[in-house]
Amino acid sequence: QVQLVESGVGLVQAGRSLRLSCAASGLPFSSYAMGWFRQAPGKERVFVAAISRSGRNTSYADSVKGRSTISRDNAKNTVYLQMNGLKPEDTAVYYCAAYLSHSDYETPLMQYEYHYWGQGTQVTASS
């Protein structure tokens, strides 16, 4: 049974940093590209960042580029999202997702490409 479990500090003051973690189990983690998505209140879920199965390649949404870093530790079956300079508009439920990858160049941007999803974790950036 595949499980993706997100965790991280839920309430952060705007301007500060946070790191989200997603622990995977039940799948060959190093064969999967991983992504982070978020859904703000009243809005659709959108892409945040993705990382290839080795960690060599990454992609970011324009809204977080330059202040966020996605990384992974294949020995720990965990993917991370470091976000700096949090803004109130970063408030959302954050989801991690796994995509069975065919090459190390793949960092999928579209939700429908991903095979497995976590339950999400709430992040609130207070002003």
C-alpha atoms as a PDB file:
ATOM      1  CA  GLN A   1       0.000   0.000   0.000  1.00  0.00           C
ATOM      2  CA  VAL A   2       1.460   3.312  -1.096  1.00  0.00           C
ATOM      3  CA  GLN A   3       1.467   6.107   1.451  1.00  0.00           C
ATOM      4  CA  LEU A   4       2.653   9.683   1.163  1.00  0.00           C
ATOM      5  CA  VAL A   5       2.566  11.572   4.442  1.00  0.00           C
ATOM      6  CA  GLU A   6       3.229  15.297   4.541  1.00  0.00           C
ATOM      7  CA  SER A   7       4.419  17.111   7.647  1.00  0.00           C
ATOM      8  CA  GLY A   8       5.701  20.512   8.668  1.00  0.00           C
ATOM      9  CA  VAL A   9       5.016  23.525  10.848  1.00  0.00           C
ATOM     10  CA  GLY A  10       1.460  24.682  10.197  1.00  0.00           C
ATOM     11  CA  LEU A  11       1.529  28.338  11.259  1.00  0.00           C
ATOM     12  CA  VAL A  12       4.405  30.588  10.271  1.00  0.00           C
ATOM     13  CA  GLN A  13       4.824  34.335  10.440  1.00  0.00           C
ATOM     14  CA  ALA A  14       5.085  36.026   7.062  1.00  0.00           C
ATOM     15  CA  GLY A  15       8.683  36.586   6.094  1.00  0.00           C
ATOM     16  CA  ARG A  16       9.904  33.509   7.887  1.00  0.00           C
ATOM     17  CA  SER A  17      10.877  30.113   6.488  1.00  0.00           C
ATOM     18  CA  LEU A  18       9.490  26.630   6.730  1.00  0.00           C
ATOM     19  CA  ARG A  19      10.337  23.173   5.509  1.00  0.00           C
ATOM     20  CA  LEU A  20       7.744  20.631   4.529  1.00  0.00           C
ATOM     21  CA  SER A  21       8.519  16.927   4.431  1.00  0.00           C
ATOM     22  CA  CYS A  22       6.810  14.088   2.624  1.00  0.00           C
ATOM     23  CA  ALA A  23       7.628  10.549   3.688  1.00  0.00           C
ATOM     24  CA  ALA A  24       6.853   7.837   1.165  1.00  0.00           C
ATOM     25  CA  SER A  25       6.316   4.146   1.744  1.00  0.00           C
ATOM     26  CA  GLY A  26       5.115   1.183  -0.273  1.00  0.00           C
ATOM     27  CA  LEU A  27       6.797   2.201  -3.526  1.00  0.00           C
ATOM     28  CA  PRO A  28      10.332   2.160  -4.996  1.00  0.00           C
ATOM     29  CA  PHE A  29      10.940   5.779  -4.137  1.00  0.00           C
ATOM     30  CA  SER A  30      14.001   6.288  -6.337  1.00  0.00           C
ATOM     31  CA  SER A  31      11.899   5.346  -9.402  1.00  0.00           C
ATOM     32  CA  TYR A  32       9.476   8.202  -8.819  1.00  0.00           C
ATOM     33  CA  ALA A  33       9.691  11.862  -9.585  1.00  0.00           C
ATOM     34  CA  MET A  34       8.056  13.848  -6.789  1.00  0.00           C
ATOM     35  CA  GLY A  35       6.005  16.995  -6.828  1.00  0.00           C
ATOM     36  CA  TRP A  36       4.487  19.532  -4.483  1.00  0.00           C
ATOM     37  CA  PHE A  37       1.140  21.177  -5.173  1.00  0.00           C
ATOM     38  CA  ARG A  38      -0.980  23.555  -3.116  1.00  0.00           C
ATOM     39  CA  GLN A  39      -4.590  24.584  -2.856  1.00  0.00           C
ATOM     40  CA  ALA A  40      -5.521  27.938  -1.370  1.00  0.00           C
ATOM     41  CA  PRO A  41      -8.990  28.531   0.070  1.00  0.00           C
ATOM     42  CA  GLY A  42     -11.551  28.823  -2.706  1.00  0.00           C
ATOM     43  CA  LYS A  43      -9.002  28.112  -5.442  1.00  0.00           C
ATOM     44  CA  GLU A  44      -7.897  25.174  -7.538  1.00  0.00           C
ATOM     45  CA  ARG A  45      -4.897  23.075  -6.654  1.00  0.00           C
ATOM     46  CA  VAL A  46      -1.789  24.265  -8.488  1.00  0.00           C
ATOM     47  CA  PHE A  47       1.762  23.147  -9.132  1.00  0.00           C
ATOM     48  CA  VAL A  48       4.518  24.367  -6.803  1.00  0.00           C
ATOM     49  CA  ALA A  49       7.661  22.346  -7.504  1.00  0.00           C
ATOM     50  CA  ALA A  50       8.892  18.997  -8.797  1.00  0.00           C
ATOM     51  CA  ILE A  51      12.092  16.996  -8.624  1.00  0.00           C
ATOM     52  CA  SER A  52      13.346  14.168 -10.787  1.00  0.00           C
ATOM     53  CA  ARG A  53      13.915  10.727  -9.399  1.00  0.00           C
ATOM     54  CA  SER A  54      17.609  11.258  -8.724  1.00  0.00           C
ATOM     55  CA  GLY A  55      17.161  14.860  -7.602  1.00  0.00           C
ATOM     56  CA  ARG A  56      19.288  16.148 -10.442  1.00  0.00           C
ATOM     57  CA  ASN A  57      16.506  18.123 -12.129  1.00  0.00           C
ATOM     58  CA  THR A  58      13.923  20.451 -10.600  1.00  0.00           C
ATOM     59  CA  SER A  59      11.080  22.695 -11.730  1.00  0.00           C
ATOM     60  CA  TYR A  60       9.309  25.521  -9.912  1.00  0.00           C
ATOM     61  CA  ALA A  61       6.202  27.614 -10.300  1.00  0.00           C
ATOM     62  CA  ASP A  62       6.936  31.281 -10.936  1.00  0.00           C
ATOM     63  CA  SER A  63       5.180  32.155  -7.672  1.00  0.00           C
ATOM     64  CA  VAL A  64       7.822  30.367  -5.573  1.00  0.00           C
ATOM     65  CA  LYS A  65      10.870  30.420  -7.833  1.00  0.00           C
ATOM     66  CA  GLY A  66      13.909  31.959  -6.209  1.00  0.00           C
ATOM     67  CA  ARG A  67      12.658  31.527  -2.651  1.00  0.00           C
ATOM     68  CA  SER A  68      11.910  27.803  -2.562  1.00  0.00           C
ATOM     69  CA  THR A  69      13.960  24.647  -2.870  1.00  0.00           C
ATOM     70  CA  ILE A  70      12.723  21.141  -3.478  1.00  0.00           C
ATOM     71  CA  SER A  71      15.066  18.324  -2.515  1.00  0.00           C
ATOM     72  CA  ARG A  72      14.962  14.638  -1.770  1.00  0.00           C
ATOM     73  CA  ASP A  73      16.762  11.981   0.207  1.00  0.00           C
ATOM     74  CA  ASN A  74      16.299   8.651  -1.533  1.00  0.00           C
ATOM     75  CA  ALA A  75      17.885   6.803   1.389  1.00  0.00           C
ATOM     76  CA  LYS A  76      15.100   8.136   3.610  1.00  0.00           C
ATOM     77  CA  ASN A  77      12.300   7.959   1.032  1.00  0.00           C
ATOM     78  CA  THR A  78      11.562  11.595   1.730  1.00  0.00           C
ATOM     79  CA  VAL A  79      11.068  14.729  -0.339  1.00  0.00           C
ATOM     80  CA  TYR A  80      11.315  18.238   1.097  1.00  0.00           C
ATOM     81  CA  LEU A  81      10.103  21.691   0.217  1.00  0.00           C
ATOM     82  CA  GLN A  82      11.984  24.585   1.770  1.00  0.00           C
ATOM     83  CA  MET A  83      10.184  27.907   1.455  1.00  0.00           C
ATOM     84  CA  ASN A  84      11.743  31.217   2.456  1.00  0.00           C
ATOM     85  CA  GLY A  85      10.223  34.661   2.774  1.00  0.00           C
ATOM     86  CA  LEU A  86       6.735  33.320   3.261  1.00  0.00           C
ATOM     87  CA  LYS A  87       3.870  35.517   2.098  1.00  0.00           C
ATOM     88  CA  PRO A  88       0.217  35.457   3.160  1.00  0.00           C
ATOM     89  CA  GLU A  89      -0.622  34.231  -0.344  1.00  0.00           C
ATOM     90  CA  ASP A  90       1.409  31.075   0.369  1.00  0.00           C
ATOM     91  CA  THR A  91      -1.361  30.020   2.749  1.00  0.00           C
ATOM     92  CA  ALA A  92      -2.752  26.766   1.407  1.00  0.00           C
ATOM     93  CA  VAL A  93      -2.988  23.042   1.879  1.00  0.00           C
ATOM     94  CA  TYR A  94       0.217  21.540   0.496  1.00  0.00           C
ATOM     95  CA  TYR A  95       0.192  18.125  -1.161  1.00  0.00           C
ATOM     96  CA  CYS A  96       3.020  15.908  -2.268  1.00  0.00           C
ATOM     97  CA  ALA A  97       2.607  13.538  -5.181  1.00  0.00           C
ATOM     98  CA  ALA A  98       4.551  10.738  -6.842  1.00  0.00           C
ATOM     99  CA  TYR A  99       5.019  10.074 -10.567  1.00  0.00           C
ATOM    100  CA  LEU A 100       6.477   6.807 -11.882  1.00  0.00           C
ATOM    101  CA  SER A 101       9.283   8.193 -13.957  1.00  0.00           C
ATOM    102  CA  HIS A 102      10.751   6.846 -17.197  1.00  0.00           C
ATOM    103  CA  SER A 103      13.783   9.098 -17.236  1.00  0.00           C
ATOM    104  CA  ASP A 104      15.694  11.344 -14.895  1.00  0.00           C
ATOM    105  CA  TYR A 105      14.729  14.389 -16.937  1.00  0.00           C
ATOM    106  CA  GLU A 106      11.084  14.228 -15.919  1.00  0.00           C
ATOM    107  CA  THR A 107       9.673  16.792 -13.494  1.00  0.00           C
ATOM    108  CA  PRO A 108       5.942  16.725 -14.268  1.00  0.00           C
ATOM    109  CA  LEU A 109       3.980  19.932 -13.868  1.00  0.00           C
ATOM    110  CA  MET A 110       0.438  18.592 -14.365  1.00  0.00           C
ATOM    111  CA  GLN A 111      -1.630  17.011 -11.629  1.00  0.00           C
ATOM    112  CA  TYR A 112      -3.082  14.327 -13.869  1.00  0.00           C
ATOM    113  CA  GLU A 113       0.405  12.925 -14.506  1.00  0.00           C
ATOM    114  CA  TYR A 114       0.911  11.918 -10.894  1.00  0.00           C
ATOM    115  CA  HIS A 115       0.016   8.450  -9.688  1.00  0.00           C
ATOM    116  CA  TYR A 116      -0.136   8.870  -5.932  1.00  0.00           C
ATOM    117  CA  TRP A 117      -1.071  11.703  -3.586  1.00  0.00           C
ATOM    118  CA  GLY A 118      -0.719  12.527   0.064  1.00  0.00           C
ATOM    119  CA  GLN A 119      -3.534  13.839   2.249  1.00  0.00           C
ATOM    120  CA  GLY A 120      -2.083  17.324   2.480  1.00  0.00           C
ATOM    121  CA  THR A 121      -0.828  19.563   5.256  1.00  0.00           C
ATOM    122  CA  GLN A 122      -2.070  23.051   6.093  1.00  0.00           C
ATOM    123  CA  VAL A 123       0.361  25.952   5.906  1.00  0.00           C
ATOM    124  CA  THR A 124      -0.744  29.358   7.139  1.00  0.00           C
ATOM    125  CA  ALA A 125       1.488  32.380   6.693  1.00  0.00           C
ATOM    126  CA  SER A 126       0.241  35.062   9.052  1.00  0.00           C
ATOM    127  CA  SER A 127       0.803  38.722   8.308  1.00  0.00           C
END
